[in-house]
Amino acid sequence: MSYAAWMSILVRPSLSLDLPAITAIYAHAVTHGTASFELTPPDEREMTRRRAALVGDDYPYLVAERDGDILGYAYAGPYRPRPAYRSTVEDSIYVAPAAQGIGVGRRLLSALIAESETRDFRLMVAVIGDEESHGSIRLHASLGFEPAGIFKGIGYKHGRWLSTVLMQRRLGPGMAEPPTRPLP
């Protein structure tokens, strides 16, 4: 891919009209990959519900687009539902098969980190499906994520036991200051 083509990739907040493409990208990841431990791809109605819940609670939900085509999407969501976790988010990134390996994931994750900091989140956690997801592990490490542990054999998909790699990255002032996000 040329530099001009790479630079023409726009990362922006997702819109409801992006949901057919988002649903297709996620369906492929669920069916063929290990990034998600879901076994059956959700339909567009369910993906719409999930997006609305995140956006409604002020979590960033982004897409990467080039020439009107959605190349991938990323969002930050709550790490856990209990109020003490309100300053910690978990990232999710999915890239269309034809757009993998050209920097779409990097553009999305970089923008997601920046958007999460503007919302005063303090820690981003990556829960990477499968220890063999070297590309995702390298991407996160290159953007400042540090290893936090591995859950060995925590899920079973595609006829094999899968582990998850946990990584984390400080956002903004991190733990140097108390959170300003109000309790839910």
Protein backbone atom coordinates (compact mmCIF):
# COMPACT_ATOMS: atom_id res chain seq x y z
CA MET A 1 0.00 0.00 0.00
CA SER A 2 1.32 3.41 -0.89
CA TYR A 3 1.80 6.11 1.70
CA ALA A 4 -0.96 8.16 0.06
CA ALA A 5 -3.38 5.21 0.30
CA TRP A 6 -2.43 4.62 3.92
CA MET A 7 -2.91 8.30 4.73
CA SER A 8 -6.32 8.23 3.06
CA ILE A 9 -7.60 5.94 5.82
CA LEU A 10 -9.93 8.00 7.99
CA VAL A 11 -10.59 7.02 11.60
CA ARG A 12 -13.83 8.50 12.86
CA PRO A 13 -16.65 7.86 15.33
CA SER A 14 -18.91 5.06 14.14
CA LEU A 15 -22.38 5.76 12.80
CA SER A 16 -25.44 3.55 12.73
CA LEU A 17 -25.06 3.25 8.95
CA ASP A 18 -21.70 1.49 9.56
CA LEU A 19 -23.38 -1.43 11.32
CA PRO A 20 -23.80 -3.76 8.32
CA ALA A 21 -20.03 -3.60 7.69
CA ILE A 22 -19.21 -3.87 11.41
CA THR A 23 -21.48 -6.90 11.69
CA ALA A 24 -19.81 -8.58 8.69
CA ILE A 25 -16.29 -7.90 10.02
CA TYR A 26 -17.18 -9.30 13.42
CA ALA A 27 -18.97 -12.33 11.92
CA HIS A 28 -15.79 -13.24 10.05
CA ALA A 29 -13.71 -12.86 13.23
CA VAL A 30 -16.10 -15.03 15.23
CA THR A 31 -16.35 -17.70 12.53
CA HIS A 32 -12.69 -17.91 11.53
CA GLY A 33 -10.60 -16.34 14.29
CA THR A 34 -9.75 -16.47 17.96
CA ALA A 35 -9.93 -12.77 18.86
CA SER A 36 -13.47 -13.34 20.10
CA PHE A 37 -14.51 -16.33 22.16
CA GLU A 38 -18.07 -16.10 20.84
CA LEU A 39 -19.00 -19.16 18.81
CA THR A 40 -21.99 -17.82 16.86
CA PRO A 41 -21.84 -14.42 15.16
CA PRO A 42 -24.50 -12.02 16.44
CA ASP A 43 -26.87 -10.49 13.92
CA GLU A 44 -27.03 -6.81 13.01
CA ARG A 45 -29.79 -6.14 15.51
CA GLU A 46 -27.63 -7.43 18.37
CA MET A 47 -24.57 -5.52 17.12
CA THR A 48 -26.74 -2.38 16.99
CA ARG A 49 -27.81 -2.96 20.59
CA ARG A 50 -24.22 -3.48 21.74
CA ARG A 51 -22.96 -0.34 20.00
CA ALA A 52 -25.84 1.77 21.34
CA ALA A 53 -25.11 0.64 24.90
CA LEU A 54 -21.44 1.64 24.63
CA VAL A 55 -22.01 4.93 22.84
CA GLY A 56 -24.85 5.78 25.24
CA ASP A 57 -22.48 5.35 28.19
CA ASP A 58 -19.84 7.61 26.54
CA TYR A 59 -17.39 4.93 25.45
CA PRO A 60 -15.53 5.55 22.18
CA TYR A 61 -16.59 3.42 19.19
CA LEU A 62 -14.57 4.10 16.04
CA VAL A 63 -14.31 2.91 12.45
CA ALA A 64 -11.52 3.08 9.90
CA GLU A 65 -12.79 4.03 6.47
CA ARG A 66 -11.24 4.50 3.04
CA ASP A 67 -13.23 5.61 0.01
CA GLY A 68 -16.49 4.79 1.79
CA ASP A 69 -15.44 1.25 2.73
CA ILE A 70 -15.23 0.27 6.40
CA LEU A 71 -11.85 -1.42 6.93
CA GLY A 72 -12.20 -2.10 10.63
CA TYR A 73 -13.61 -0.89 13.89
CA ALA A 74 -12.56 -0.53 17.51
CA TYR A 75 -14.21 0.37 20.74
CA ALA A 76 -13.46 0.72 24.42
CA GLY A 77 -15.91 -0.77 26.86
CA PRO A 78 -16.13 -1.32 30.58
CA TYR A 79 -13.55 -3.77 31.89
CA ARG A 80 -15.91 -4.93 34.61
CA PRO A 81 -19.36 -3.66 35.69
CA ARG A 82 -18.62 -2.78 39.30
CA PRO A 83 -18.26 0.98 40.02
CA ALA A 84 -14.67 0.84 41.29
CA TYR A 85 -13.61 -0.21 37.75
CA ARG A 86 -15.16 2.93 36.17
CA SER A 87 -11.75 4.32 35.12
CA THR A 88 -10.61 1.13 33.38
CA VAL A 89 -11.60 0.18 29.83
CA GLU A 90 -11.02 -2.88 27.69
CA ASP A 91 -10.19 -2.38 24.04
CA SER A 92 -11.59 -4.39 21.12
CA ILE A 93 -10.26 -4.12 17.57
CA TYR A 94 -11.47 -5.96 14.47
CA VAL A 95 -10.10 -5.47 10.96
CA ALA A 96 -11.67 -6.74 7.73
CA PRO A 97 -9.69 -9.64 6.24
CA ALA A 98 -8.75 -7.66 3.10
CA ALA A 99 -7.41 -4.78 5.22
CA GLN A 100 -5.23 -6.77 7.62
CA GLY A 101 -1.51 -6.09 7.72
CA ILE A 102 -1.67 -2.53 6.32
CA GLY A 103 -1.77 -0.57 9.57
CA VAL A 104 -5.53 -0.30 10.11
CA GLY A 105 -5.31 -1.84 13.58
CA ARG A 106 -2.54 0.59 14.57
CA ARG A 107 -4.55 3.58 13.37
CA LEU A 108 -7.64 2.37 15.24
CA LEU A 109 -5.86 1.55 18.50
CA SER A 110 -3.92 4.83 18.49
CA ALA A 111 -7.14 6.79 18.03
CA LEU A 112 -8.95 4.67 20.63
CA ILE A 113 -6.24 5.41 23.21
CA ALA A 114 -6.50 9.15 22.49
CA GLU A 115 -10.32 9.12 22.66
CA SER A 116 -10.27 7.16 25.92
CA GLU A 117 -7.90 9.71 27.46
CA THR A 118 -10.24 12.57 26.54
CA ARG A 119 -12.96 10.78 28.53
CA ASP A 120 -10.62 10.57 31.56
CA PHE A 121 -10.22 6.80 31.54
CA ARG A 122 -6.99 5.87 33.34
CA LEU A 123 -6.16 2.31 32.28
CA MET A 124 -6.76 0.33 29.11
CA VAL A 125 -6.72 -3.44 29.28
CA ALA A 126 -6.22 -5.73 26.30
CA VAL A 127 -7.61 -9.25 26.58
CA ILE A 128 -6.05 -10.89 23.53
CA GLY A 129 -7.56 -14.18 22.46
CA ASP A 130 -4.92 -16.86 21.81
CA GLU A 131 -1.23 -16.73 22.68
CA GLU A 132 -0.60 -17.24 18.96
CA SER A 133 -2.04 -13.79 18.13
CA HIS A 134 1.48 -12.41 17.74
CA GLY A 135 0.37 -9.49 15.54
CA SER A 136 -2.07 -8.22 18.16
CA ILE A 137 0.43 -8.72 20.97
CA ARG A 138 3.13 -6.81 19.02
CA LEU A 139 0.68 -4.04 18.12
CA HIS A 140 -0.33 -3.50 21.72
CA ALA A 141 3.28 -3.63 22.94
CA SER A 142 4.34 -1.08 20.31
CA LEU A 143 1.72 1.35 21.65
CA GLY A 144 2.84 1.10 25.26
CA PHE A 145 0.93 -1.91 26.60
CA GLU A 146 2.79 -4.08 29.08
CA PRO A 147 2.23 -7.78 29.77
CA ALA A 148 -0.04 -8.41 32.73
CA GLY A 149 -0.46 -12.19 32.57
CA ILE A 150 -1.84 -15.15 30.67
CA PHE A 151 -4.89 -17.25 31.38
CA LYS A 152 -3.89 -20.67 30.07
CA GLY A 153 -6.53 -22.81 28.37
CA ILE A 154 -9.39 -20.54 29.40
CA GLY A 155 -11.56 -21.19 26.34
CA TYR A 156 -12.23 -23.92 23.81
CA LYS A 157 -12.84 -22.97 20.17
CA HIS A 158 -12.01 -24.38 16.74
CA GLY A 159 -11.18 -27.74 18.28
CA ARG A 160 -8.47 -26.50 20.64
CA TRP A 161 -7.90 -24.91 24.02
CA LEU A 162 -7.12 -21.21 23.83
CA SER A 163 -5.35 -18.93 26.26
CA THR A 164 -5.80 -15.20 26.65
CA VAL A 165 -2.95 -12.75 26.95
CA LEU A 166 -3.58 -9.81 29.27
CA MET A 167 -1.84 -6.49 28.65
CA GLN A 168 -2.40 -3.05 30.12
CA ARG A 169 -1.53 0.57 29.37
CA ARG A 170 -1.77 3.68 31.51
CA LEU A 171 -4.00 6.43 30.10
CA GLY A 172 -3.42 10.11 30.88
CA PRO A 173 -2.33 10.59 34.49
CA GLY A 174 -3.05 6.94 35.26
CA MET A 175 -2.96 6.20 38.97
CA ALA A 176 -1.17 9.47 39.88
CA GLU A 177 -4.52 11.13 40.58
CA PRO A 178 -7.94 9.93 41.75
CA PRO A 179 -10.56 9.39 39.07
CA THR A 180 -12.81 12.23 38.02
CA ARG A 181 -15.32 10.02 36.19
CA PRO A 182 -18.47 10.01 38.26
CA LEU A 183 -19.85 6.81 39.66
CA PRO A 184 -22.43 5.23 37.34
